[in-house]
Amino acid sequence: MEKITKKMFVTLLDDKENRFAVIINHWFYYIEKGRIYRFQQHNNTKMFTMLGSFYEGEIDSETMNDALKKSIINQIQYDWFTDVWKETIVERISHSPYDLEAFFL
């Protein structure tokens, strides 16, 4: 996990070369080739449980990344992702005083 600024997030979106998951307003989002996908609610809840285990030191970052990858593959397989407009997500993060937490995959 890495902390990224809002400006870095926008740069990564525009770059379209990175694949990563990011937490914004209590939701996991998957970014690939400049496209933004919001996690389906059930998978979002599961990943927040995993994130809690990560923060508690019960799992390491490799296990967390593996869980994220499995969740992403599962959601892609069943087309459970919701597309999100870039403008919508940039507007959403612009109001947050905090940096974002990102997992690069």
C-alpha atoms as a PDB file:
ATOM      1  CA  MET A   1       0.000   0.000   0.000  1.00  0.00           C
ATOM      2  CA  GLU A   2       1.189   3.493  -0.798  1.00  0.00           C
ATOM      3  CA  LYS A   3      -0.168   6.895   0.093  1.00  0.00           C
ATOM      4  CA  ILE A   4      -0.700   9.043  -2.986  1.00  0.00           C
ATOM      5  CA  THR A   5      -1.788  12.637  -3.278  1.00  0.00           C
ATOM      6  CA  LYS A   6      -4.839  13.740  -5.218  1.00  0.00           C
ATOM      7  CA  LYS A   7      -2.537  15.251  -7.839  1.00  0.00           C
ATOM      8  CA  MET A   8      -0.629  11.951  -8.180  1.00  0.00           C
ATOM      9  CA  PHE A   9      -3.947  10.130  -8.603  1.00  0.00           C
ATOM     10  CA  VAL A  10      -4.979  12.364 -11.503  1.00  0.00           C
ATOM     11  CA  THR A  11      -1.523  11.955 -13.077  1.00  0.00           C
ATOM     12  CA  LEU A  12      -1.806   8.158 -12.784  1.00  0.00           C
ATOM     13  CA  LEU A  13      -5.262   8.270 -14.373  1.00  0.00           C
ATOM     14  CA  ASP A  14      -3.972  10.322 -17.293  1.00  0.00           C
ATOM     15  CA  ASP A  15      -0.875   8.133 -17.683  1.00  0.00           C
ATOM     16  CA  LYS A  16      -3.006   5.033 -18.443  1.00  0.00           C
ATOM     17  CA  GLU A  17      -0.032   2.719 -17.828  1.00  0.00           C
ATOM     18  CA  ASN A  18      -0.729   1.755 -14.236  1.00  0.00           C
ATOM     19  CA  ARG A  19      -3.059  -0.803 -12.685  1.00  0.00           C
ATOM     20  CA  PHE A  20      -4.002  -0.193  -9.109  1.00  0.00           C
ATOM     21  CA  ALA A  21      -6.765  -0.253  -6.538  1.00  0.00           C
ATOM     22  CA  VAL A  22      -7.534   2.830  -4.508  1.00  0.00           C
ATOM     23  CA  ILE A  23      -9.822   3.612  -1.596  1.00  0.00           C
ATOM     24  CA  ILE A  24     -12.041   6.677  -2.009  1.00  0.00           C
ATOM     25  CA  ASN A  25     -14.833   7.507   0.457  1.00  0.00           C
ATOM     26  CA  HIS A  26     -15.028   3.959   1.853  1.00  0.00           C
ATOM     27  CA  TRP A  27     -15.130   2.298  -1.577  1.00  0.00           C
ATOM     28  CA  PHE A  28     -12.494   0.331  -3.423  1.00  0.00           C
ATOM     29  CA  TYR A  29     -11.940   1.316  -7.044  1.00  0.00           C
ATOM     30  CA  TYR A  30      -9.862  -0.496  -9.638  1.00  0.00           C
ATOM     31  CA  ILE A  31      -8.020   1.637 -12.198  1.00  0.00           C
ATOM     32  CA  GLU A  32      -6.707   0.107 -15.413  1.00  0.00           C
ATOM     33  CA  LYS A  33      -5.637   1.931 -18.578  1.00  0.00           C
ATOM     34  CA  GLY A  34      -7.289   5.115 -17.365  1.00  0.00           C
ATOM     35  CA  ARG A  35     -10.665   3.431 -16.775  1.00  0.00           C
ATOM     36  CA  ILE A  36     -12.201   3.509 -13.316  1.00  0.00           C
ATOM     37  CA  TYR A  37     -14.284   0.660 -11.917  1.00  0.00           C
ATOM     38  CA  ARG A  38     -16.067   0.671  -8.568  1.00  0.00           C
ATOM     39  CA  PHE A  39     -16.117  -2.580  -6.608  1.00  0.00           C
ATOM     40  CA  GLN A  40     -19.436  -4.329  -6.223  1.00  0.00           C
ATOM     41  CA  GLN A  41     -20.779  -3.872  -2.660  1.00  0.00           C
ATOM     42  CA  HIS A  42     -20.259  -7.467  -1.501  1.00  0.00           C
ATOM     43  CA  ASN A  43     -16.633  -7.467  -2.697  1.00  0.00           C
ATOM     44  CA  ASN A  44     -16.069  -4.012  -1.249  1.00  0.00           C
ATOM     45  CA  THR A  45     -17.172  -5.261   2.178  1.00  0.00           C
ATOM     46  CA  LYS A  46     -14.921  -8.320   1.925  1.00  0.00           C
ATOM     47  CA  MET A  47     -11.937  -6.177   0.966  1.00  0.00           C
ATOM     48  CA  PHE A  48     -12.504  -3.817   3.893  1.00  0.00           C
ATOM     49  CA  THR A  49     -12.444  -6.846   6.186  1.00  0.00           C
ATOM     50  CA  MET A  50      -9.116  -7.835   4.605  1.00  0.00           C
ATOM     51  CA  LEU A  51      -7.878  -4.263   4.965  1.00  0.00           C
ATOM     52  CA  GLY A  52      -8.697  -4.389   8.676  1.00  0.00           C
ATOM     53  CA  SER A  53      -6.608  -7.556   8.971  1.00  0.00           C
ATOM     54  CA  PHE A  54      -3.801  -5.813   7.090  1.00  0.00           C
ATOM     55  CA  TYR A  55      -3.859  -2.823   9.467  1.00  0.00           C
ATOM     56  CA  GLU A  56      -3.953  -5.140  12.479  1.00  0.00           C
ATOM     57  CA  GLY A  57      -0.835  -6.922  11.204  1.00  0.00           C
ATOM     58  CA  GLU A  58      -2.676 -10.226  10.765  1.00  0.00           C
ATOM     59  CA  ILE A  59      -1.809 -10.346   7.056  1.00  0.00           C
ATOM     60  CA  ASP A  60       1.073  -8.851   5.073  1.00  0.00           C
ATOM     61  CA  SER A  61       0.956  -6.645   1.978  1.00  0.00           C
ATOM     62  CA  GLU A  62       1.526  -9.600  -0.357  1.00  0.00           C
ATOM     63  CA  THR A  63      -1.541 -11.386   1.024  1.00  0.00           C
ATOM     64  CA  MET A  64      -3.546  -8.162   0.740  1.00  0.00           C
ATOM     65  CA  ASN A  65      -2.481  -7.676  -2.892  1.00  0.00           C
ATOM     66  CA  ASP A  66      -3.314 -11.310  -3.691  1.00  0.00           C
ATOM     67  CA  ALA A  67      -6.797 -10.872  -2.208  1.00  0.00           C
ATOM     68  CA  LEU A  68      -7.289  -7.692  -4.256  1.00  0.00           C
ATOM     69  CA  LYS A  69      -6.200  -9.436  -7.451  1.00  0.00           C
ATOM     70  CA  LYS A  70      -8.578 -12.350  -6.823  1.00  0.00           C
ATOM     71  CA  SER A  71     -11.443  -9.964  -6.136  1.00  0.00           C
ATOM     72  CA  ILE A  72     -10.708  -7.980  -9.300  1.00  0.00           C
ATOM     73  CA  ILE A  73     -10.506 -11.104 -11.462  1.00  0.00           C
ATOM     74  CA  ASN A  74     -13.774 -12.392  -9.964  1.00  0.00           C
ATOM     75  CA  GLN A  75     -15.560  -9.115 -10.648  1.00  0.00           C
ATOM     76  CA  ILE A  76     -14.209  -8.892 -14.207  1.00  0.00           C
ATOM     77  CA  GLN A  77     -15.224 -12.490 -14.875  1.00  0.00           C
ATOM     78  CA  TYR A  78     -18.822 -11.823 -13.887  1.00  0.00           C
ATOM     79  CA  ASP A  79     -18.917  -8.206 -15.116  1.00  0.00           C
ATOM     80  CA  TRP A  80     -19.790  -6.921 -11.651  1.00  0.00           C
ATOM     81  CA  PHE A  81     -17.836  -3.695 -11.888  1.00  0.00           C
ATOM     82  CA  THR A  82     -19.535  -0.350 -12.245  1.00  0.00           C
ATOM     83  CA  ASP A  83     -17.868   2.117 -14.604  1.00  0.00           C
ATOM     84  CA  VAL A  84     -17.180   5.502 -13.058  1.00  0.00           C
ATOM     85  CA  TRP A  85     -16.663   8.752 -14.940  1.00  0.00           C
ATOM     86  CA  LYS A  86     -13.243  10.311 -14.444  1.00  0.00           C
ATOM     87  CA  GLU A  87     -14.797  13.708 -13.757  1.00  0.00           C
ATOM     88  CA  THR A  88     -17.011  12.221 -11.040  1.00  0.00           C
ATOM     89  CA  ILE A  89     -14.131  10.588  -9.196  1.00  0.00           C
ATOM     90  CA  VAL A  90     -11.846  13.625  -9.505  1.00  0.00           C
ATOM     91  CA  GLU A  91     -14.628  15.789  -8.081  1.00  0.00           C
ATOM     92  CA  ARG A  92     -15.135  13.311  -5.240  1.00  0.00           C
ATOM     93  CA  ILE A  93     -11.472  13.294  -4.207  1.00  0.00           C
ATOM     94  CA  SER A  94     -11.098  17.052  -4.518  1.00  0.00           C
ATOM     95  CA  HIS A  95     -13.193  17.531  -1.374  1.00  0.00           C
ATOM     96  CA  SER A  96     -11.124  15.174   0.759  1.00  0.00           C
ATOM     97  CA  PRO A  97      -8.403  16.642   2.970  1.00  0.00           C
ATOM     98  CA  TYR A  98      -6.579  13.290   3.070  1.00  0.00           C
ATOM     99  CA  ASP A  99      -4.194  11.480   0.757  1.00  0.00           C
ATOM    100  CA  LEU A 100      -5.433   8.322  -0.933  1.00  0.00           C
ATOM    101  CA  GLU A 101      -4.375   4.744  -0.170  1.00  0.00           C
ATOM    102  CA  ALA A 102      -3.394   2.851  -3.301  1.00  0.00           C
ATOM    103  CA  PHE A 103      -2.382  -0.734  -3.991  1.00  0.00           C
ATOM    104  CA  PHE A 104      -0.327  -1.107  -7.172  1.00  0.00           C
ATOM    105  CA  LEU A 105      -0.885  -4.443  -8.867  1.00  0.00           C
END
